[in-house]
């Protein structure tokens, strides 16, 4: 049995409950796919996007929905070793890549303020453009459950706001395009187990900012806020194993009667607006 066949079989057997059904449930719960969609499955070369690609291939086999796929991989400026690793892993897992090159890493390396944020925005813009060029109406990103709860805490602790990473978003800069996150319910723990079981090796974040962090781990200021929040959640989970699910559910159970103010479509609503009307 080829490696990719082993991986495909395990998705609906060994990892049926922890990965496959979570993937399908997110798509169903948030109505991510409609008949006639052409989805650009965006592959960075990391574990999350590669697993997402295999899940999409499995979903396509079931033919319960009529949709097309393009496995889109952007090279933002990887060194030769990492670029080759992405291609080799795609071949190993039988994922037909459409690759295009950009110079994002070079551009971001000259930015001092919030380089990771700028990098993410630039990458998404390039992905939308290329996906549109290929006739796609959606892009799929590999953000998982842990990314979602980390985003919630980051917004509260560092952004002074309650917000979350949405399961799907309509693009405001690319009319007719939509972003979906079908790994929304999949916990990183099980993705790591999947990688270990199949003895796979994927690239990590491979930009120059990350290289600087890895060379000087003693400097706390170089660590990303997301890494700090990830550590915090890990520590909290030791005392209460439901902490991550409670963080996730907190943005689904917002009680507006106990919120001082909130924004909707750019308009601020304050509890005093109608306080004396009751």
Protein backbone atom coordinates (compact mmCIF):
# COMPACT_ATOMS: atom_id res chain seq x y z
CA UNK A 1 0.00 0.00 0.00
CA UNK A 2 1.31 3.44 -0.96
CA UNK A 3 1.78 6.05 1.78
CA UNK A 4 -1.09 8.20 0.49
CA UNK A 5 -3.42 5.17 0.46
CA UNK A 6 -2.50 4.43 4.08
CA UNK A 7 -3.22 8.05 5.01
CA UNK A 8 -6.57 8.05 3.21
CA UNK A 9 -7.69 4.81 4.85
CA UNK A 10 -6.75 6.04 8.34
CA UNK A 11 -8.80 9.23 7.91
CA UNK A 12 -12.08 7.30 7.90
CA UNK A 13 -10.97 4.60 10.34
CA UNK A 14 -8.36 5.55 12.95
CA UNK A 15 -9.14 9.27 12.75
CA UNK A 16 -12.78 9.07 11.82
CA UNK A 17 -14.06 10.50 15.12
CA UNK A 18 -11.33 13.03 15.93
CA UNK A 19 -10.61 14.44 12.47
CA UNK A 20 -12.86 13.26 9.64
CA UNK A 21 -16.26 13.72 11.31
CA UNK A 22 -15.13 17.07 12.77
CA UNK A 23 -14.15 18.24 9.29
CA UNK A 24 -17.50 17.18 7.80
CA UNK A 25 -19.48 18.62 10.72
CA UNK A 26 -17.91 22.07 10.36
CA UNK A 27 -18.75 22.12 6.66
CA UNK A 28 -22.34 21.12 7.40
CA UNK A 29 -22.87 23.32 10.47
CA UNK A 30 -21.64 26.47 8.75
CA UNK A 31 -22.86 25.65 5.22
CA UNK A 32 -19.38 26.07 3.77
CA UNK A 33 -19.95 24.30 0.45
CA UNK A 34 -22.73 24.67 -2.10
CA UNK A 35 -23.31 22.89 -5.39
CA UNK A 36 -21.22 24.41 -8.15
CA UNK A 37 -18.45 25.75 -5.90
CA UNK A 38 -14.88 25.72 -7.11
CA UNK A 39 -12.65 25.80 -4.04
CA UNK A 40 -8.98 26.70 -3.89
CA UNK A 41 -7.60 24.53 -1.09
CA UNK A 42 -4.68 26.69 0.05
CA UNK A 43 -1.62 24.69 1.01
CA UNK A 44 1.19 26.41 2.87
CA UNK A 45 3.17 23.20 3.25
CA UNK A 46 2.45 22.81 6.95
CA UNK A 47 0.64 19.95 8.67
CA UNK A 48 -2.76 21.66 8.91
CA UNK A 49 -3.18 22.53 5.25
CA UNK A 50 -1.84 19.18 4.04
CA UNK A 51 -4.31 17.32 6.24
CA UNK A 52 -7.10 19.62 5.05
CA UNK A 53 -6.21 18.73 1.45
CA UNK A 54 -6.52 15.00 2.19
CA UNK A 55 -9.88 15.58 3.90
CA UNK A 56 -11.13 17.47 0.86
CA UNK A 57 -10.03 14.65 -1.42
CA UNK A 58 -11.93 12.19 0.75
CA UNK A 59 -15.00 14.42 0.73
CA UNK A 60 -14.84 14.61 -3.06
CA UNK A 61 -14.88 10.81 -3.26
CA UNK A 62 -18.22 10.70 -1.47
CA UNK A 63 -19.80 12.86 -4.21
CA UNK A 64 -22.59 14.06 -1.95
CA UNK A 65 -22.00 17.60 -3.20
CA UNK A 66 -21.10 18.86 -6.64
CA UNK A 67 -17.95 20.94 -6.28
CA UNK A 68 -14.49 21.23 -7.82
CA UNK A 69 -11.10 21.59 -6.15
CA UNK A 70 -7.81 23.28 -6.94
CA UNK A 71 -4.92 22.57 -4.58
CA UNK A 72 -3.21 25.94 -4.54
CA UNK A 73 0.25 26.42 -3.07
CA UNK A 74 1.91 29.82 -2.89
CA UNK A 75 5.66 30.04 -2.43
CA UNK A 76 6.09 33.33 -0.51
CA UNK A 77 9.88 33.08 -0.71
CA UNK A 78 10.84 29.76 0.87
CA UNK A 79 14.46 28.68 0.66
CA UNK A 80 15.13 25.85 -1.80
CA UNK A 81 15.00 23.18 0.91
CA UNK A 82 11.54 24.20 2.15
CA UNK A 83 10.17 24.75 -1.34
CA UNK A 84 11.27 21.24 -2.29
CA UNK A 85 9.78 19.82 0.91
CA UNK A 86 6.35 21.17 0.02
CA UNK A 87 6.50 19.61 -3.46
CA UNK A 88 7.84 16.29 -2.17
CA UNK A 89 5.14 16.00 0.51
CA UNK A 90 2.43 16.76 -2.03
CA UNK A 91 3.74 13.95 -4.25
CA UNK A 92 4.00 11.59 -1.28
CA UNK A 93 0.38 12.29 -0.31
CA UNK A 94 -0.90 12.31 -3.90
CA UNK A 95 -2.00 15.96 -3.83
CA UNK A 96 -1.84 17.64 -7.28
CA UNK A 97 -0.44 21.09 -6.53
CA UNK A 98 -0.81 24.28 -8.53
CA UNK A 99 2.19 26.35 -7.41
CA UNK A 100 2.90 30.05 -7.90
CA UNK A 101 5.68 32.26 -6.57
CA UNK A 102 5.70 35.62 -4.76
CA UNK A 103 8.32 37.71 -2.92
CA UNK A 104 6.28 38.27 0.25
CA UNK A 105 9.01 37.18 2.69
CA UNK A 106 11.47 39.62 1.13
CA UNK A 107 8.96 42.47 1.41
CA UNK A 108 7.94 41.66 4.99
CA UNK A 109 11.55 41.36 6.16
CA UNK A 110 11.85 45.14 5.71
CA UNK A 111 8.86 45.81 7.99
CA UNK A 112 9.46 46.42 11.71
CA UNK A 113 5.89 46.86 13.01
CA UNK A 114 3.58 43.82 13.05
CA UNK A 115 5.37 41.85 10.30
CA UNK A 116 3.33 38.67 10.91
CA UNK A 117 0.05 40.58 10.50
CA UNK A 118 1.25 42.23 7.28
CA UNK A 119 2.53 38.89 5.97
CA UNK A 120 -0.84 37.22 6.60
CA UNK A 121 -2.72 40.03 4.84
CA UNK A 122 -0.39 39.94 1.83
CA UNK A 123 -0.60 36.16 1.56
CA UNK A 124 -4.38 36.21 1.62
CA UNK A 125 -4.49 38.89 -1.06
CA UNK A 126 -2.25 36.87 -3.37
CA UNK A 127 -4.28 33.72 -2.73
CA UNK A 128 -7.56 35.46 -3.51
CA UNK A 129 -6.13 36.89 -6.74
CA UNK A 130 -4.73 33.57 -7.95
CA UNK A 131 -7.85 31.64 -6.93
CA UNK A 132 -10.04 34.09 -8.85
CA UNK A 133 -7.75 33.81 -11.84
CA UNK A 134 -8.29 30.03 -11.76
CA UNK A 135 -12.07 30.42 -11.67
CA UNK A 136 -12.55 29.66 -7.97
CA UNK A 137 -15.20 31.34 -5.83
CA UNK A 138 -13.82 30.19 -2.47
CA UNK A 139 -10.50 29.69 -0.74
CA UNK A 140 -10.10 27.19 2.11
CA UNK A 141 -7.57 27.80 4.87
CA UNK A 142 -6.34 25.24 7.38
CA UNK A 143 -7.02 27.09 10.64
CA UNK A 144 -8.01 24.59 13.33
CA UNK A 145 -9.85 24.65 16.69
CA UNK A 146 -6.81 25.80 18.67
CA UNK A 147 -6.28 28.72 16.28
CA UNK A 148 -9.87 29.78 16.97
CA UNK A 149 -9.68 29.78 20.77
CA UNK A 150 -6.26 31.43 20.73
CA UNK A 151 -7.71 34.21 18.58
CA UNK A 152 -10.54 34.75 21.07
CA UNK A 153 -8.13 35.15 24.00
CA UNK A 154 -5.71 37.29 21.99
CA UNK A 155 -8.53 39.69 21.16
CA UNK A 156 -9.44 40.05 24.83
CA UNK A 157 -5.94 40.23 26.30
CA UNK A 158 -4.16 42.28 23.63
CA UNK A 159 -6.91 43.86 21.56
CA UNK A 160 -9.41 44.81 24.29
CA UNK A 161 -12.27 43.31 22.30
CA UNK A 162 -14.38 40.18 22.10
CA UNK A 163 -14.05 38.61 18.68
CA UNK A 164 -13.36 35.28 17.03
CA UNK A 165 -11.95 33.73 13.90
CA UNK A 166 -15.07 33.17 11.82
CA UNK A 167 -15.75 29.81 10.10
CA UNK A 168 -16.45 31.61 6.84
CA UNK A 169 -16.09 35.18 5.63
CA UNK A 170 -17.10 37.00 2.45
CA UNK A 171 -14.21 38.96 0.97
CA UNK A 172 -14.66 42.73 0.96
CA UNK A 173 -11.78 43.31 -1.47
CA UNK A 174 -12.53 40.49 -3.91
CA UNK A 175 -16.24 40.53 -4.83
CA UNK A 176 -17.76 37.08 -5.22
CA UNK A 177 -15.01 35.41 -3.20
CA UNK A 178 -15.41 33.72 0.17
CA UNK A 179 -13.00 32.25 2.72
CA UNK A 180 -13.90 29.01 4.52
CA UNK A 181 -12.21 27.19 7.42
CA UNK A 182 -13.33 23.54 7.36
CA UNK A 183 -10.80 22.48 10.05
CA UNK A 184 -12.70 24.69 12.53
CA UNK A 185 -13.60 21.84 14.90
CA UNK A 186 -10.38 19.81 14.58
CA UNK A 187 -8.06 20.04 17.57
CA UNK A 188 -4.34 20.45 16.96
CA UNK A 189 -3.62 17.56 19.32
CA UNK A 190 -5.11 15.11 16.84
CA UNK A 191 -3.41 16.70 13.86
CA UNK A 192 -0.08 16.16 15.63
CA UNK A 193 -1.07 12.55 16.33
CA UNK A 194 -1.88 12.09 12.64
CA UNK A 195 1.55 13.45 11.66
CA UNK A 196 3.33 11.18 14.14
CA UNK A 197 1.39 8.04 13.18
CA UNK A 198 2.25 8.38 9.50
CA UNK A 199 5.84 9.54 10.18
CA UNK A 200 5.35 12.69 8.16
CA UNK A 201 7.51 15.80 8.28
CA UNK A 202 6.18 19.18 7.21
CA UNK A 203 7.71 22.64 7.10
CA UNK A 204 7.07 25.04 9.97
CA UNK A 205 6.60 28.79 9.54
CA UNK A 206 9.70 29.40 7.43
CA UNK A 207 10.03 33.18 7.25
CA UNK A 208 12.97 35.31 8.42
CA UNK A 209 11.01 36.60 11.44
CA UNK A 210 10.66 33.04 12.72
CA UNK A 211 14.34 32.38 12.09
CA UNK A 212 15.22 35.39 14.28
CA UNK A 213 13.01 34.04 17.07
CA UNK A 214 14.57 30.59 16.87
CA UNK A 215 18.08 32.03 17.09
CA UNK A 216 17.33 34.01 20.23
CA UNK A 217 14.69 32.25 22.29
CA UNK A 218 15.75 34.04 25.46
CA UNK A 219 14.28 37.31 24.22
CA UNK A 220 10.64 37.26 25.21
CA UNK A 221 9.80 40.26 23.05
CA UNK A 222 10.53 38.23 19.92
CA UNK A 223 7.90 35.61 20.73
CA UNK A 224 4.58 36.03 19.03
CA UNK A 225 1.53 36.85 21.10
CA UNK A 226 -0.14 33.73 19.72
CA UNK A 227 2.64 31.58 21.16
CA UNK A 228 2.16 33.23 24.54
CA UNK A 229 -1.58 32.56 24.49
CA UNK A 230 -1.00 28.95 23.41
CA UNK A 231 1.17 28.46 26.49
CA UNK A 232 -1.45 30.08 28.71
CA UNK A 233 -4.23 27.79 27.48
CA UNK A 234 -1.98 24.77 27.96
CA UNK A 235 -1.37 25.76 31.58
CA UNK A 236 -5.07 26.43 32.26
CA UNK A 237 -6.01 23.07 30.75
CA UNK A 238 -3.92 21.30 33.40
CA UNK A 239 -6.37 22.44 36.09
CA UNK A 240 -9.56 22.29 34.01
CA UNK A 241 -9.67 20.11 30.91
CA UNK A 242 -12.80 21.81 29.52
CA UNK A 243 -11.19 25.25 29.43
CA UNK A 244 -10.63 25.28 25.66
CA UNK A 245 -14.22 24.27 24.87
CA UNK A 246 -15.54 26.91 27.26
CA UNK A 247 -13.47 29.57 25.51
CA UNK A 248 -14.89 28.40 22.19
CA UNK A 249 -18.49 28.40 23.42
CA UNK A 250 -18.16 31.83 25.05
CA UNK A 251 -18.50 33.54 21.67
CA UNK A 252 -21.59 31.48 20.88
CA UNK A 253 -23.34 32.40 24.14
CA UNK A 254 -22.94 36.19 24.20
CA UNK A 255 -25.65 37.78 26.36
CA UNK A 256 -26.18 41.28 24.97
CA UNK A 257 -28.19 42.21 28.09
CA UNK A 258 -24.93 42.13 30.04
CA UNK A 259 -22.67 43.82 27.48
CA UNK A 260 -21.78 47.49 27.93
CA UNK A 261 -21.36 48.13 24.22
CA UNK A 262 -20.88 46.28 20.95
CA UNK A 263 -20.30 47.05 17.26
CA UNK A 264 -22.37 45.80 14.36
CA UNK A 265 -21.52 46.77 10.77
CA UNK A 266 -19.33 49.56 12.10
CA UNK A 267 -22.05 51.08 14.29
CA UNK A 268 -21.55 51.21 18.06
CA UNK A 269 -24.48 50.21 20.28
CA UNK A 270 -24.35 51.14 23.99
CA UNK A 271 -26.51 49.77 26.80
CA UNK A 272 -27.43 53.34 27.80
CA UNK A 273 -29.02 53.94 24.39
CA UNK A 274 -32.28 52.37 25.54
CA UNK A 275 -31.61 52.00 29.28
CA UNK A 276 -34.41 54.38 30.31
CA UNK A 277 -36.91 52.99 27.80
CA UNK A 278 -37.58 49.86 29.85
